[in-house]
C-alpha atoms as a PDB file:
ATOM      1  CA  MET A   1      69.612 -24.369  75.132  1.00  0.00           C
ATOM      2  CA  ALA A   2      72.303 -25.120  72.535  1.00  0.00           C
ATOM      3  CA  LYS A   3      71.415 -27.346  69.604  1.00  0.00           C
ATOM      4  CA  LYS A   4      73.100 -30.759  69.803  1.00  0.00           C
ATOM      5  CA  ILE A   5      75.156 -31.828  66.786  1.00  0.00           C
ATOM      6  CA  LEU A   6      76.830 -35.181  66.197  1.00  0.00           C
ATOM      7  CA  ALA A   7      79.943 -34.762  64.003  1.00  0.00           C
ATOM      8  CA  ILE A   8      81.190 -37.992  62.408  1.00  0.00           C
ATOM      9  CA  ASP A   9      84.512 -38.325  60.578  1.00  0.00           C
ATOM     10  CA  ASP A  10      87.289 -40.904  60.687  1.00  0.00           C
ATOM     11  CA  SER A  11      89.885 -38.091  60.620  1.00  0.00           C
ATOM     12  CA  LYS A  12      90.538 -36.820  64.138  1.00  0.00           C
ATOM     13  CA  ALA A  13      91.904 -33.535  62.766  1.00  0.00           C
ATOM     14  CA  MET A  14      88.734 -32.973  60.714  1.00  0.00           C
ATOM     15  CA  ARG A  15      86.492 -33.779  63.707  1.00  0.00           C
ATOM     16  CA  GLN A  16      88.427 -31.323  65.864  1.00  0.00           C
ATOM     17  CA  MET A  17      88.254 -28.562  63.244  1.00  0.00           C
ATOM     18  CA  VAL A  18      84.506 -29.074  62.755  1.00  0.00           C
ATOM     19  CA  ALA A  19      83.874 -29.283  66.513  1.00  0.00           C
ATOM     20  CA  MET A  20      85.846 -26.098  67.188  1.00  0.00           C
ATOM     21  CA  THR A  21      83.932 -24.211  64.476  1.00  0.00           C
ATOM     22  CA  LEU A  22      80.570 -25.390  65.790  1.00  0.00           C
ATOM     23  CA  LYS A  23      81.354 -24.904  69.488  1.00  0.00           C
ATOM     24  CA  THR A  24      82.560 -21.356  68.790  1.00  0.00           C
ATOM     25  CA  ALA A  25      79.161 -20.717  67.178  1.00  0.00           C
ATOM     26  CA  GLY A  26      77.389 -21.967  70.322  1.00  0.00           C
ATOM     27  CA  TYR A  27      76.496 -25.534  69.360  1.00  0.00           C
ATOM     28  CA  ASP A  28      76.834 -28.531  71.693  1.00  0.00           C
ATOM     29  CA  VAL A  29      79.015 -30.984  69.727  1.00  0.00           C
ATOM     30  CA  THR A  30      79.615 -34.710  70.183  1.00  0.00           C
ATOM     31  CA  GLU A  31      82.184 -36.467  68.000  1.00  0.00           C
ATOM     32  CA  ALA A  32      82.122 -39.983  66.518  1.00  0.00           C
ATOM     33  CA  GLU A  33      84.844 -41.660  64.450  1.00  0.00           C
ATOM     34  CA  ASN A  34      82.647 -43.768  62.137  1.00  0.00           C
ATOM     35  CA  GLY A  35      79.071 -44.835  61.487  1.00  0.00           C
ATOM     36  CA  ALA A  36      79.112 -47.663  64.033  1.00  0.00           C
ATOM     37  CA  ASP A  37      80.374 -45.291  66.747  1.00  0.00           C
ATOM     38  CA  ALA A  38      77.691 -42.779  65.738  1.00  0.00           C
ATOM     39  CA  LEU A  39      74.880 -45.343  66.023  1.00  0.00           C
ATOM     40  CA  GLU A  40      75.942 -46.070  69.606  1.00  0.00           C
ATOM     41  CA  LYS A  41      75.869 -42.353  70.438  1.00  0.00           C
ATOM     42  CA  VAL A  42      72.425 -41.689  68.938  1.00  0.00           C
ATOM     43  CA  GLY A  43      71.047 -44.378  71.222  1.00  0.00           C
ATOM     44  CA  ALA A  44      72.044 -42.347  74.271  1.00  0.00           C
ATOM     45  CA  VAL A  45      71.350 -38.749  73.170  1.00  0.00           C
ATOM     46  CA  GLN A  46      68.814 -37.089  70.867  1.00  0.00           C
ATOM     47  CA  PHE A  47      70.738 -34.885  68.422  1.00  0.00           C
ATOM     48  CA  ASP A  48      69.242 -31.948  66.534  1.00  0.00           C
ATOM     49  CA  LEU A  49      71.538 -32.447  63.523  1.00  0.00           C
ATOM     50  CA  ILE A  50      73.907 -35.120  62.200  1.00  0.00           C
ATOM     51  CA  LEU A  51      77.019 -34.067  60.254  1.00  0.00           C
ATOM     52  CA  THR A  52      78.730 -37.047  58.617  1.00  0.00           C
ATOM     53  CA  ASP A  53      81.581 -37.944  56.325  1.00  0.00           C
ATOM     54  CA  ILE A  54      80.879 -40.541  53.623  1.00  0.00           C
ATOM     55  CA  ASN A  55      84.102 -42.576  53.352  1.00  0.00           C
ATOM     56  CA  MET A  56      84.799 -44.175  56.756  1.00  0.00           C
ATOM     57  CA  PRO A  57      85.813 -47.624  58.022  1.00  0.00           C
ATOM     58  CA  ASN A  58      83.375 -49.977  59.827  1.00  0.00           C
ATOM     59  CA  MET A  59      80.289 -48.198  58.463  1.00  0.00           C
ATOM     60  CA  ASP A  60      80.259 -45.514  55.788  1.00  0.00           C
ATOM     61  CA  GLY A  61      78.082 -42.424  55.789  1.00  0.00           C
ATOM     62  CA  ILE A  62      75.503 -43.721  53.303  1.00  0.00           C
ATOM     63  CA  GLU A  63      74.859 -46.857  55.383  1.00  0.00           C
ATOM     64  CA  LEU A  64      74.702 -44.704  58.535  1.00  0.00           C
ATOM     65  CA  ILE A  65      72.109 -42.401  56.970  1.00  0.00           C
ATOM     66  CA  LYS A  66      69.976 -45.371  55.894  1.00  0.00           C
ATOM     67  CA  ARG A  67      70.074 -46.819  59.413  1.00  0.00           C
ATOM     68  CA  LEU A  68      69.358 -43.470  61.074  1.00  0.00           C
ATOM     69  CA  ARG A  69      66.294 -42.939  58.874  1.00  0.00           C
ATOM     70  CA  LEU A  70      64.887 -46.241  60.180  1.00  0.00           C
ATOM     71  CA  LEU A  71      64.957 -44.920  63.765  1.00  0.00           C
ATOM     72  CA  PRO A  72      61.757 -43.080  64.814  1.00  0.00           C
ATOM     73  CA  ASP A  73      63.761 -40.287  66.537  1.00  0.00           C
ATOM     74  CA  TYR A  74      65.827 -39.624  63.389  1.00  0.00           C
ATOM     75  CA  LYS A  75      63.258 -39.869  60.582  1.00  0.00           C
ATOM     76  CA  LEU A  76      63.142 -36.066  60.235  1.00  0.00           C
ATOM     77  CA  THR A  77      66.455 -34.987  61.821  1.00  0.00           C
ATOM     78  CA  PRO A  78      68.619 -32.974  59.398  1.00  0.00           C
ATOM     79  CA  ILE A  79      71.611 -34.983  58.152  1.00  0.00           C
ATOM     80  CA  VAL A  80      74.360 -33.086  56.317  1.00  0.00           C
ATOM     81  CA  CYS A  81      77.212 -34.841  54.519  1.00  0.00           C
ATOM     82  CA  LEU A  82      80.637 -33.227  54.818  1.00  0.00           C
ATOM     83  CA  THR A  83      82.806 -35.144  52.375  1.00  0.00           C
ATOM     84  CA  THR A  84      85.367 -35.094  49.582  1.00  0.00           C
ATOM     85  CA  GLU A  85      82.790 -36.849  47.378  1.00  0.00           C
ATOM     86  CA  SER A  86      81.442 -34.432  44.773  1.00  0.00           C
ATOM     87  CA  SER A  87      80.055 -36.653  42.007  1.00  0.00           C
ATOM     88  CA  THR A  88      76.420 -36.371  41.011  1.00  0.00           C
ATOM     89  CA  GLU A  89      76.063 -40.146  41.453  1.00  0.00           C
ATOM     90  CA  MET A  90      77.258 -40.007  45.066  1.00  0.00           C
ATOM     91  CA  LYS A  91      75.058 -37.007  45.843  1.00  0.00           C
ATOM     92  CA  ASP A  92      72.091 -38.862  44.340  1.00  0.00           C
ATOM     93  CA  GLU A  93      72.917 -41.911  46.468  1.00  0.00           C
ATOM     94  CA  GLY A  94      73.043 -39.660  49.542  1.00  0.00           C
ATOM     95  CA  LYS A  95      69.727 -38.053  48.653  1.00  0.00           C
ATOM     96  CA  ALA A  96      68.129 -41.475  48.165  1.00  0.00           C
ATOM     97  CA  ALA A  97      69.447 -42.532  51.589  1.00  0.00           C
ATOM     98  CA  GLY A  98      67.916 -39.454  53.219  1.00  0.00           C
ATOM     99  CA  THR A  99      70.553 -36.732  53.417  1.00  0.00           C
ATOM    100  CA  THR A 100      69.364 -33.156  53.895  1.00  0.00           C
ATOM    101  CA  GLY A 101      72.456 -31.316  52.641  1.00  0.00           C
ATOM    102  CA  TRP A 102      75.900 -31.833  51.096  1.00  0.00           C
ATOM    103  CA  ILE A 103      79.135 -29.891  51.698  1.00  0.00           C
ATOM    104  CA  VAL A 104      82.297 -30.772  49.769  1.00  0.00           C
ATOM    105  CA  LYS A 105      85.689 -30.638  51.523  1.00  0.00           C
ATOM    106  CA  PRO A 106      87.659 -28.486  51.718  1.00  0.00           C
ATOM    107  CA  PHE A 107      85.053 -26.145  53.137  1.00  0.00           C
ATOM    108  CA  SER A 108      85.011 -22.771  54.832  1.00  0.00           C
ATOM    109  CA  PRO A 109      83.756 -22.446  58.412  1.00  0.00           C
ATOM    110  CA  GLU A 110      81.316 -19.806  57.146  1.00  0.00           C
ATOM    111  CA  LYS A 111      79.801 -22.206  54.605  1.00  0.00           C
ATOM    112  CA  LEU A 112      79.483 -24.920  57.258  1.00  0.00           C
ATOM    113  CA  LEU A 113      77.701 -22.574  59.677  1.00  0.00           C
ATOM    114  CA  LEU A 114      75.483 -21.145  56.930  1.00  0.00           C
ATOM    115  CA  THR A 115      74.390 -24.616  55.786  1.00  0.00           C
ATOM    116  CA  ILE A 116      73.718 -25.786  59.345  1.00  0.00           C
ATOM    117  CA  GLY A 117      71.782 -22.614  60.079  1.00  0.00           C
ATOM    118  CA  ARG A 118      69.592 -23.255  57.038  1.00  0.00           C
ATOM    119  CA  VAL A 119      68.685 -26.833  57.888  1.00  0.00           C
ATOM    120  CA  LEU A 120      68.129 -26.268  61.602  1.00  0.00           C
END
């Protein structure tokens, strides 16, 4: 059975590119456009991995990670940030919130798949 991944980004083009890369590699992908949308989706489906942007409207990635880590089903689920943010401060904030990995955009499909393979 394919691993279920929730891909969250406010850019439709980025979500589509990520989804296509992951689906081609055999993953079952669900898309969400921001943190609030993602929280609704995790209530209906148990995902094996969360892939989230940081800078989004309605609820950013850091707040989403904090809220996910409060849910019993997502305490240990890998959460990877896929973002333009590259500062040490932001990475530290992500780590404190509970992120498992960090990929800076632009990224290569190979790096995305390698990172996901490592944390799953």
